[in-house]
């Protein structure tokens, strides 16, 4: 049961992070209200790092900012490490 909930959570947070990058890029082009960077980073931090990374490169958004170009891939590696450790220890 826990694994199913975790899978759904990760799917939702990654889709949300991806979508947030797309929405923010669209708003940036139209010079409208933007999604704060801390919200974009929070979505990545709480499990959406793959969606955020995909959003960065699909929408070509925030790729010049060091915090994003280094931080998001680092989060991906860290989160993948946690998943690998979990599965090797408990399965």
PDB file of N, CA and C in Angstrom:
ATOM      1  N   UNK A   1       0.821  -1.195   0.000  1.00  0.00           N
ATOM      2  CA  UNK A   1       0.000   0.000   0.000  1.00  0.00           C
ATOM      3  C   UNK A   1       0.871   1.267   0.000  1.00  0.00           C
ATOM      4  N   UNK A   2       1.924   1.261   0.823  1.00  0.00           N
ATOM      5  CA  UNK A   2       2.814   2.418   0.907  1.00  0.00           C
ATOM      6  C   UNK A   2       3.446   2.717  -0.452  1.00  0.00           C
ATOM      7  N   UNK A   3       3.886   1.679  -1.148  1.00  0.00           N
ATOM      8  CA  UNK A   3       4.563   1.870  -2.427  1.00  0.00           C
ATOM      9  C   UNK A   3       3.626   2.480  -3.469  1.00  0.00           C
ATOM     10  N   UNK A   4       2.362   2.056  -3.463  1.00  0.00           N
ATOM     11  CA  UNK A   4       1.404   2.612  -4.422  1.00  0.00           C
ATOM     12  C   UNK A   4       1.180   4.100  -4.165  1.00  0.00           C
ATOM     13  N   UNK A   5       1.061   4.456  -2.900  1.00  0.00           N
ATOM     14  CA  UNK A   5       0.871   5.865  -2.540  1.00  0.00           C
ATOM     15  C   UNK A   5       2.106   6.674  -2.931  1.00  0.00           C
ATOM     16  N   UNK A   6       3.281   6.129  -2.665  1.00  0.00           N
ATOM     17  CA  UNK A   6       4.527   6.814  -3.015  1.00  0.00           C
ATOM     18  C   UNK A   6       4.640   7.004  -4.522  1.00  0.00           C
ATOM     19  N   UNK A   7       4.292   5.980  -5.294  1.00  0.00           N
ATOM     20  CA  UNK A   7       4.352   6.089  -6.748  1.00  0.00           C
ATOM     21  C   UNK A   7       3.419   7.178  -7.267  1.00  0.00           C
ATOM     22  N   UNK A   8       2.210   7.232  -6.736  1.00  0.00           N
ATOM     23  CA  UNK A   8       1.251   8.255  -7.158  1.00  0.00           C
ATOM     24  C   UNK A   8       1.765   9.636  -6.757  1.00  0.00           C
ATOM     25  N   UNK A   9       2.274   9.762  -5.533  1.00  0.00           N
ATOM     26  CA  UNK A   9       2.813  11.044  -5.067  1.00  0.00           C
ATOM     27  C   UNK A   9       3.937  11.518  -5.988  1.00  0.00           C
ATOM     28  N   UNK A  10       4.882  10.630  -6.289  1.00  0.00           N
ATOM     29  CA  UNK A  10       6.016  11.017  -7.129  1.00  0.00           C
ATOM     30  C   UNK A  10       5.570  11.388  -8.540  1.00  0.00           C
ATOM     31  N   UNK A  11       4.601  10.674  -9.075  1.00  0.00           N
ATOM     32  CA  UNK A  11       4.085  11.006 -10.402  1.00  0.00           C
ATOM     33  C   UNK A  11       3.450  12.397 -10.384  1.00  0.00           C
ATOM     34  N   UNK A  12       2.658  12.671  -9.372  1.00  0.00           N
ATOM     35  CA  UNK A  12       1.966  13.965  -9.281  1.00  0.00           C
ATOM     36  C   UNK A  12       2.954  15.108  -9.079  1.00  0.00           C
ATOM     37  N   UNK A  13       3.903  14.946  -8.166  1.00  0.00           N
ATOM     38  CA  UNK A  13       4.847  16.036  -7.880  1.00  0.00           C
ATOM     39  C   UNK A  13       5.764  16.296  -9.076  1.00  0.00           C
ATOM     40  N   UNK A  14       6.142  15.251  -9.800  1.00  0.00           N
ATOM     41  CA  UNK A  14       6.984  15.445 -10.976  1.00  0.00           C
ATOM     42  C   UNK A  14       6.220  16.111 -12.109  1.00  0.00           C
ATOM     43  N   UNK A  15       4.970  15.717 -12.312  1.00  0.00           N
ATOM     44  CA  UNK A  15       4.148  16.393 -13.323  1.00  0.00           C
ATOM     45  C   UNK A  15       3.912  17.846 -12.936  1.00  0.00           C
ATOM     46  N   UNK A  16       3.697  18.086 -11.652  1.00  0.00           N
ATOM     47  CA  UNK A  16       3.486  19.457 -11.184  1.00  0.00           C
ATOM     48  C   UNK A  16       4.740  20.298 -11.403  1.00  0.00           C
ATOM     49  N   UNK A  17       5.899  19.769 -11.062  1.00  0.00           N
ATOM     50  CA  UNK A  17       7.150  20.510 -11.247  1.00  0.00           C
ATOM     51  C   UNK A  17       7.376  20.811 -12.725  1.00  0.00           C
ATOM     52  N   UNK A  18       7.159  19.812 -13.570  1.00  0.00           N
ATOM     53  CA  UNK A  18       7.303  20.005 -15.015  1.00  0.00           C
ATOM     54  C   UNK A  18       6.367  21.111 -15.492  1.00  0.00           C
ATOM     55  N   UNK A  19       5.117  21.027 -15.076  1.00  0.00           N
ATOM     56  CA  UNK A  19       4.128  22.024 -15.464  1.00  0.00           C
ATOM     57  C   UNK A  19       4.458  23.410 -14.958  1.00  0.00           C
ATOM     58  N   UNK A  20       4.978  23.492 -13.741  1.00  0.00           N
ATOM     59  CA  UNK A  20       5.339  24.786 -13.176  1.00  0.00           C
ATOM     60  C   UNK A  20       6.414  25.471 -14.012  1.00  0.00           C
ATOM     61  N   UNK A  21       7.385  24.712 -14.492  1.00  0.00           N
ATOM     62  CA  UNK A  21       8.428  25.301 -15.328  1.00  0.00           C
ATOM     63  C   UNK A  21       7.848  25.786 -16.649  1.00  0.00           C
ATOM     64  N   UNK A  22       6.920  25.019 -17.216  1.00  0.00           N
ATOM     65  CA  UNK A  22       6.276  25.436 -18.459  1.00  0.00           C
ATOM     66  C   UNK A  22       5.444  26.693 -18.282  1.00  0.00           C
ATOM     67  N   UNK A  23       4.679  26.735 -17.203  1.00  0.00           N
ATOM     68  CA  UNK A  23       3.840  27.908 -16.925  1.00  0.00           C
ATOM     69  C   UNK A  23       4.707  29.137 -16.676  1.00  0.00           C
ATOM     70  N   UNK A  24       5.775  28.955 -15.888  1.00  0.00           N
ATOM     71  CA  UNK A  24       6.644  30.089 -15.580  1.00  0.00           C
ATOM     72  C   UNK A  24       7.323  30.621 -16.842  1.00  0.00           C
ATOM     73  N   UNK A  25       7.742  29.737 -17.730  1.00  0.00           N
ATOM     74  CA  UNK A  25       8.365  30.175 -18.983  1.00  0.00           C
ATOM     75  C   UNK A  25       7.361  30.942 -19.841  1.00  0.00           C
ATOM     76  N   UNK A  26       6.149  30.428 -19.908  1.00  0.00           N
ATOM     77  CA  UNK A  26       5.112  31.107 -20.679  1.00  0.00           C
ATOM     78  C   UNK A  26       4.834  32.501 -20.116  1.00  0.00           C
ATOM     79  N   UNK A  27       4.759  32.592 -18.812  1.00  0.00           N
ATOM     80  CA  UNK A  27       4.514  33.890 -18.177  1.00  0.00           C
ATOM     81  C   UNK A  27       5.695  34.835 -18.375  1.00  0.00           C
ATOM     82  N   UNK A  28       6.900  34.293 -18.363  1.00  0.00           N
ATOM     83  CA  UNK A  28       8.092  35.129 -18.563  1.00  0.00           C
ATOM     84  C   UNK A  28       8.085  35.746 -19.961  1.00  0.00           C
ATOM     85  N   UNK A  29       7.688  34.969 -20.946  1.00  0.00           N
ATOM     86  CA  UNK A  29       7.636  35.475 -22.316  1.00  0.00           C
ATOM     87  C   UNK A  29       6.630  36.607 -22.463  1.00  0.00           C
ATOM     88  N   UNK A  30       5.522  36.509 -21.714  1.00  0.00           N
ATOM     89  CA  UNK A  30       4.452  37.509 -21.812  1.00  0.00           C
ATOM     90  C   UNK A  30       4.589  38.612 -20.758  1.00  0.00           C
ATOM     91  N   UNK A  31       5.693  38.589 -20.013  1.00  0.00           N
ATOM     92  CA  UNK A  31       5.973  39.569 -18.957  1.00  0.00           C
ATOM     93  C   UNK A  31       4.808  39.676 -17.975  1.00  0.00           C
ATOM     94  N   UNK A  32       4.377  38.523 -17.499  1.00  0.00           N
ATOM     95  CA  UNK A  32       3.289  38.469 -16.527  1.00  0.00           C
ATOM     96  C   UNK A  32       3.840  37.997 -15.191  1.00  0.00           C
ATOM     97  N   UNK A  33       2.937  37.892 -14.196  1.00  0.00           N
ATOM     98  CA  UNK A  33       3.317  37.435 -12.865  1.00  0.00           C
ATOM     99  C   UNK A  33       3.976  36.063 -12.961  1.00  0.00           C
ATOM    100  N   UNK A  34       5.077  35.871 -12.233  1.00  0.00           N
ATOM    101  CA  UNK A  34       5.885  34.656 -12.333  1.00  0.00           C
ATOM    102  C   UNK A  34       5.740  33.799 -11.092  1.00  0.00           C
ATOM    103  N   UNK A  35       6.065  32.532 -11.241  1.00  0.00           N
ATOM    104  CA  UNK A  35       6.121  31.614 -10.113  1.00  0.00           C
ATOM    105  C   UNK A  35       7.455  31.883  -9.401  1.00  0.00           C
ATOM    106  N   UNK A  36       7.433  32.131  -8.097  1.00  0.00           N
ATOM    107  CA  UNK A  36       8.690  32.401  -7.383  1.00  0.00           C
ATOM    108  C   UNK A  36       9.680  31.228  -7.498  1.00  0.00           C
ATOM    109  N   UNK A  37      10.961  31.569  -7.597  1.00  0.00           N
ATOM    110  CA  UNK A  37      11.990  30.545  -7.731  1.00  0.00           C
ATOM    111  C   UNK A  37      11.959  29.562  -6.567  1.00  0.00           C
ATOM    112  N   UNK A  38      11.653  30.032  -5.372  1.00  0.00           N
ATOM    113  CA  UNK A  38      11.642  29.120  -4.226  1.00  0.00           C
ATOM    114  C   UNK A  38      10.545  28.072  -4.358  1.00  0.00           C
ATOM    115  N   UNK A  39       9.449  28.396  -5.047  1.00  0.00           N
ATOM    116  CA  UNK A  39       8.398  27.387  -5.275  1.00  0.00           C
ATOM    117  C   UNK A  39       8.844  26.363  -6.306  1.00  0.00           C
ATOM    118  N   UNK A  40       9.537  26.824  -7.326  1.00  0.00           N
ATOM    119  CA  UNK A  40      10.077  25.888  -8.314  1.00  0.00           C
ATOM    120  C   UNK A  40      11.069  24.933  -7.643  1.00  0.00           C
ATOM    121  N   UNK A  41      11.928  25.492  -6.805  1.00  0.00           N
ATOM    122  CA  UNK A  41      12.908  24.670  -6.101  1.00  0.00           C
ATOM    123  C   UNK A  41      12.244  23.750  -5.076  1.00  0.00           C
ATOM    124  N   UNK A  42      11.201  24.226  -4.421  1.00  0.00           N
ATOM    125  CA  UNK A  42      10.494  23.402  -3.440  1.00  0.00           C
ATOM    126  C   UNK A  42       9.851  22.194  -4.108  1.00  0.00           C
ATOM    127  N   UNK A  43       9.279  22.392  -5.283  1.00  0.00           N
ATOM    128  CA  UNK A  43       8.677  21.266  -6.006  1.00  0.00           C
ATOM    129  C   UNK A  43       9.742  20.210  -6.318  1.00  0.00           C
ATOM    130  N   UNK A  44      10.928  20.662  -6.696  1.00  0.00           N
ATOM    131  CA  UNK A  44      12.025  19.726  -6.966  1.00  0.00           C
ATOM    132  C   UNK A  44      12.487  19.051  -5.683  1.00  0.00           C
ATOM    133  N   UNK A  45      12.608  19.816  -4.628  1.00  0.00           N
ATOM    134  CA  UNK A  45      13.087  19.287  -3.352  1.00  0.00           C
ATOM    135  C   UNK A  45      12.162  18.216  -2.782  1.00  0.00           C
ATOM    136  N   UNK A  46      10.870  18.397  -2.941  1.00  0.00           N
ATOM    137  CA  UNK A  46       9.910  17.462  -2.364  1.00  0.00           C
ATOM    138  C   UNK A  46       9.596  16.286  -3.282  1.00  0.00           C
ATOM    139  N   UNK A  47      10.536  15.944  -4.154  1.00  0.00           N
ATOM    140  CA  UNK A  47      10.401  14.734  -4.956  1.00  0.00           C
ATOM    141  C   UNK A  47      10.216  14.970  -6.433  1.00  0.00           C
ATOM    142  N   UNK A  48      10.126  16.211  -6.858  1.00  0.00           N
ATOM    143  CA  UNK A  48       9.879  16.493  -8.266  1.00  0.00           C
ATOM    144  C   UNK A  48      11.113  16.892  -9.050  1.00  0.00           C
ATOM    145  N   UNK A  49      12.270  16.410  -8.646  1.00  0.00           N
ATOM    146  CA  UNK A  49      13.505  16.842  -9.305  1.00  0.00           C
ATOM    147  C   UNK A  49      13.589  16.379 -10.760  1.00  0.00           C
ATOM    148  N   UNK A  50      13.109  15.195 -11.069  1.00  0.00           N
ATOM    149  CA  UNK A  50      13.147  14.739 -12.464  1.00  0.00           C
ATOM    150  C   UNK A  50      12.207  15.569 -13.330  1.00  0.00           C
ATOM    151  N   UNK A  51      11.032  15.872 -12.832  1.00  0.00           N
ATOM    152  CA  UNK A  51      10.102  16.721 -13.567  1.00  0.00           C
ATOM    153  C   UNK A  51      10.654  18.121 -13.750  1.00  0.00           C
ATOM    154  N   UNK A  52      11.301  18.641 -12.712  1.00  0.00           N
ATOM    155  CA  UNK A  52      11.902  19.969 -12.792  1.00  0.00           C
ATOM    156  C   UNK A  52      13.033  19.984 -13.811  1.00  0.00           C
ATOM    157  N   UNK A  53      13.866  18.960 -13.787  1.00  0.00           N
ATOM    158  CA  UNK A  53      14.981  18.880 -14.736  1.00  0.00           C
ATOM    159  C   UNK A  53      14.459  18.774 -16.168  1.00  0.00           C
ATOM    160  N   UNK A  54      13.457  17.943 -16.364  1.00  0.00           N
ATOM    161  CA  UNK A  54      12.852  17.823 -17.697  1.00  0.00           C
ATOM    162  C   UNK A  54      12.247  19.159 -18.118  1.00  0.00           C
ATOM    163  N   UNK A  55      11.554  19.822 -17.210  1.00  0.00           N
ATOM    164  CA  UNK A  55      10.952  21.120 -17.517  1.00  0.00           C
ATOM    165  C   UNK A  55      11.984  22.171 -17.867  1.00  0.00           C
ATOM    166  N   UNK A  56      13.107  22.140 -17.168  1.00  0.00           N
ATOM    167  CA  UNK A  56      14.172  23.104 -17.456  1.00  0.00           C
ATOM    168  C   UNK A  56      14.638  22.983 -18.903  1.00  0.00           C
ATOM    169  N   UNK A  57      14.825  21.757 -19.353  1.00  0.00           N
ATOM    170  CA  UNK A  57      15.397  21.565 -20.681  1.00  0.00           C
ATOM    171  C   UNK A  57      14.358  21.520 -21.789  1.00  0.00           C
ATOM    172  N   UNK A  58      13.172  21.034 -21.518  1.00  0.00           N
ATOM    173  CA  UNK A  58      12.118  21.053 -22.539  1.00  0.00           C
ATOM    174  C   UNK A  58      11.704  22.485 -22.840  1.00  0.00           C
ATOM    175  N   UNK A  59      11.539  23.291 -21.785  1.00  0.00           N
ATOM    176  CA  UNK A  59      11.099  24.667 -21.967  1.00  0.00           C
ATOM    177  C   UNK A  59      12.258  25.665 -22.049  1.00  0.00           C
ATOM    178  N   UNK A  60      13.479  25.169 -21.913  1.00  0.00           N
ATOM    179  CA  UNK A  60      14.684  26.016 -21.909  1.00  0.00           C
ATOM    180  C   UNK A  60      14.516  27.166 -20.929  1.00  0.00           C
ATOM    181  N   UNK A  61      14.254  26.789 -19.701  1.00  0.00           N
ATOM    182  CA  UNK A  61      13.935  27.777 -18.676  1.00  0.00           C
ATOM    183  C   UNK A  61      14.815  27.571 -17.449  1.00  0.00           C
ATOM    184  N   UNK A  62      15.426  28.626 -16.968  1.00  0.00           N
ATOM    185  CA  UNK A  62      16.281  28.638 -15.780  1.00  0.00           C
ATOM    186  C   UNK A  62      17.582  27.856 -15.986  1.00  0.00           C
ATOM    187  N   UNK A  63      17.945  27.588 -17.208  1.00  0.00           N
ATOM    188  CA  UNK A  63      19.155  26.796 -17.452  1.00  0.00           C
ATOM    189  C   UNK A  63      20.440  27.603 -17.265  1.00  0.00           C
ATOM    190  N   UNK A  64      20.346  28.916 -17.242  1.00  0.00           N
ATOM    191  CA  UNK A  64      21.534  29.755 -17.029  1.00  0.00           C
ATOM    192  C   UNK A  64      21.753  30.100 -15.566  1.00  0.00           C
ATOM    193  N   UNK A  65      20.785  29.817 -14.733  1.00  0.00           N
ATOM    194  CA  UNK A  65      20.913  30.110 -13.305  1.00  0.00           C
ATOM    195  C   UNK A  65      21.664  28.964 -12.621  1.00  0.00           C
ATOM    196  N   UNK A  66      22.777  29.281 -11.995  1.00  0.00           N
ATOM    197  CA  UNK A  66      23.589  28.249 -11.330  1.00  0.00           C
ATOM    198  C   UNK A  66      22.782  27.454 -10.311  1.00  0.00           C
ATOM    199  N   UNK A  67      21.940  28.131  -9.557  1.00  0.00           N
ATOM    200  CA  UNK A  67      21.149  27.455  -8.539  1.00  0.00           C
ATOM    201  C   UNK A  67      20.309  26.347  -9.163  1.00  0.00           C
ATOM    202  N   UNK A  68      19.809  26.567 -10.347  1.00  0.00           N
ATOM    203  CA  UNK A  68      18.987  25.576 -11.026  1.00  0.00           C
ATOM    204  C   UNK A  68      19.841  24.598 -11.834  1.00  0.00           C
ATOM    205  N   UNK A  69      20.810  25.107 -12.598  1.00  0.00           N
ATOM    206  CA  UNK A  69      21.596  24.234 -13.472  1.00  0.00           C
ATOM    207  C   UNK A  69      22.485  23.271 -12.696  1.00  0.00           C
ATOM    208  N   UNK A  70      22.840  23.617 -11.477  1.00  0.00           N
ATOM    209  CA  UNK A  70      23.624  22.721 -10.621  1.00  0.00           C
ATOM    210  C   UNK A  70      22.727  22.063  -9.570  1.00  0.00           C
ATOM    211  N   UNK A  71      21.849  22.846  -8.984  1.00  0.00           N
ATOM    212  CA  UNK A  71      21.029  22.354  -7.878  1.00  0.00           C
ATOM    213  C   UNK A  71      20.041  21.273  -8.260  1.00  0.00           C
ATOM    214  N   UNK A  72      19.347  21.442  -9.366  1.00  0.00           N
ATOM    215  CA  UNK A  72      18.332  20.459  -9.765  1.00  0.00           C
ATOM    216  C   UNK A  72      18.977  19.114 -10.122  1.00  0.00           C
ATOM    217  N   UNK A  73      20.038  19.076 -10.937  1.00  0.00           N
ATOM    218  CA  UNK A  73      20.676  17.776 -11.184  1.00  0.00           C
ATOM    219  C   UNK A  73      21.228  17.136  -9.902  1.00  0.00           C
ATOM    220  N   UNK A  74      21.755  17.966  -9.002  1.00  0.00           N
ATOM    221  CA  UNK A  74      22.248  17.438  -7.727  1.00  0.00           C
ATOM    222  C   UNK A  74      21.105  16.807  -6.930  1.00  0.00           C
ATOM    223  N   UNK A  75      19.965  17.463  -6.900  1.00  0.00           N
ATOM    224  CA  UNK A  75      18.796  16.901  -6.231  1.00  0.00           C
ATOM    225  C   UNK A  75      18.376  15.575  -6.868  1.00  0.00           C
ATOM    226  N   UNK A  76      18.438  15.499  -8.184  1.00  0.00           N
ATOM    227  CA  UNK A  76      18.107  14.244  -8.881  1.00  0.00           C
ATOM    228  C   UNK A  76      19.011  13.113  -8.410  1.00  0.00           C
ATOM    229  N   UNK A  77      20.295  13.394  -8.348  1.00  0.00           N
ATOM    230  CA  UNK A  77      21.259  12.378  -7.915  1.00  0.00           C
ATOM    231  C   UNK A  77      21.006  11.975  -6.464  1.00  0.00           C
ATOM    232  N   UNK A  78      20.787  12.954  -5.612  1.00  0.00           N
ATOM    233  CA  UNK A  78      20.529  12.662  -4.197  1.00  0.00           C
ATOM    234  C   UNK A  78      19.248  11.859  -4.017  1.00  0.00           C
ATOM    235  N   UNK A  79      18.192  12.262  -4.718  1.00  0.00           N
ATOM    236  CA  UNK A  79      16.928  11.544  -4.592  1.00  0.00           C
ATOM    237  C   UNK A  79      17.033  10.138  -5.175  1.00  0.00           C
ATOM    238  N   UNK A  80      17.758   9.975  -6.265  1.00  0.00           N
ATOM    239  CA  UNK A  80      17.967   8.637  -6.825  1.00  0.00           C
ATOM    240  C   UNK A  80      18.759   7.785  -5.840  1.00  0.00           C
ATOM    241  N   UNK A  81      19.736   8.381  -5.177  1.00  0.00           N
ATOM    242  CA  UNK A  81      20.509   7.656  -4.170  1.00  0.00           C
ATOM    243  C   UNK A  81      19.648   7.181  -3.015  1.00  0.00           C
ATOM    244  N   UNK A  82      18.735   8.016  -2.572  1.00  0.00           N
ATOM    245  CA  UNK A  82      17.821   7.633  -1.491  1.00  0.00           C
ATOM    246  C   UNK A  82      16.955   6.463  -1.932  1.00  0.00           C
ATOM    247  N   UNK A  83      16.446   6.515  -3.136  1.00  0.00           N
ATOM    248  CA  UNK A  83      15.602   5.426  -3.654  1.00  0.00           C
ATOM    249  C   UNK A  83      16.408   4.136  -3.753  1.00  0.00           C
ATOM    250  N   UNK A  84      17.616   4.221  -4.259  1.00  0.00           N
ATOM    251  CA  UNK A  84      18.463   3.029  -4.390  1.00  0.00           C
ATOM    252  C   UNK A  84      18.776   2.450  -3.020  1.00  0.00           C
ATOM    253  N   UNK A  85      19.139   3.297  -2.074  1.00  0.00           N
ATOM    254  CA  UNK A  85      19.408   2.814  -0.717  1.00  0.00           C
ATOM    255  C   UNK A  85      18.183   2.158  -0.103  1.00  0.00           C
ATOM    256  N   UNK A  86      17.037   2.754  -0.317  1.00  0.00           N
ATOM    257  CA  UNK A  86      15.797   2.196   0.231  1.00  0.00           C
ATOM    258  C   UNK A  86      15.545   0.811  -0.342  1.00  0.00           C
ATOM    259  N   UNK A  87      15.642   0.682  -1.658  1.00  0.00           N
ATOM    260  CA  UNK A  87      15.339  -0.598  -2.276  1.00  0.00           C
ATOM    261  C   UNK A  87      16.377  -1.668  -1.975  1.00  0.00           C
ATOM    262  N   UNK A  88      17.643  -1.296  -1.846  1.00  0.00           N
ATOM    263  CA  UNK A  88      18.654  -2.299  -1.537  1.00  0.00           C
ATOM    264  C   UNK A  88      18.588  -2.739  -0.075  1.00  0.00           C
ATOM    265  N   UNK A  89      18.086  -1.871   0.782  1.00  0.00           N
ATOM    266  CA  UNK A  89      18.003  -2.214   2.197  1.00  0.00           C
ATOM    267  C   UNK A  89      16.719  -2.956   2.547  1.00  0.00           C
ATOM    268  N   UNK A  90      15.602  -2.583   1.924  1.00  0.00           N
ATOM    269  CA  UNK A  90      14.318  -3.116   2.343  1.00  0.00           C
ATOM    270  C   UNK A  90      13.704  -4.120   1.388  1.00  0.00           C
ATOM    271  N   UNK A  91      14.284  -4.340   0.233  1.00  0.00           N
ATOM    272  CA  UNK A  91      13.715  -5.330  -0.701  1.00  0.00           C
ATOM    273  C   UNK A  91      14.686  -6.418  -1.038  1.00  0.00           C
TER     274      UNK A  91
END
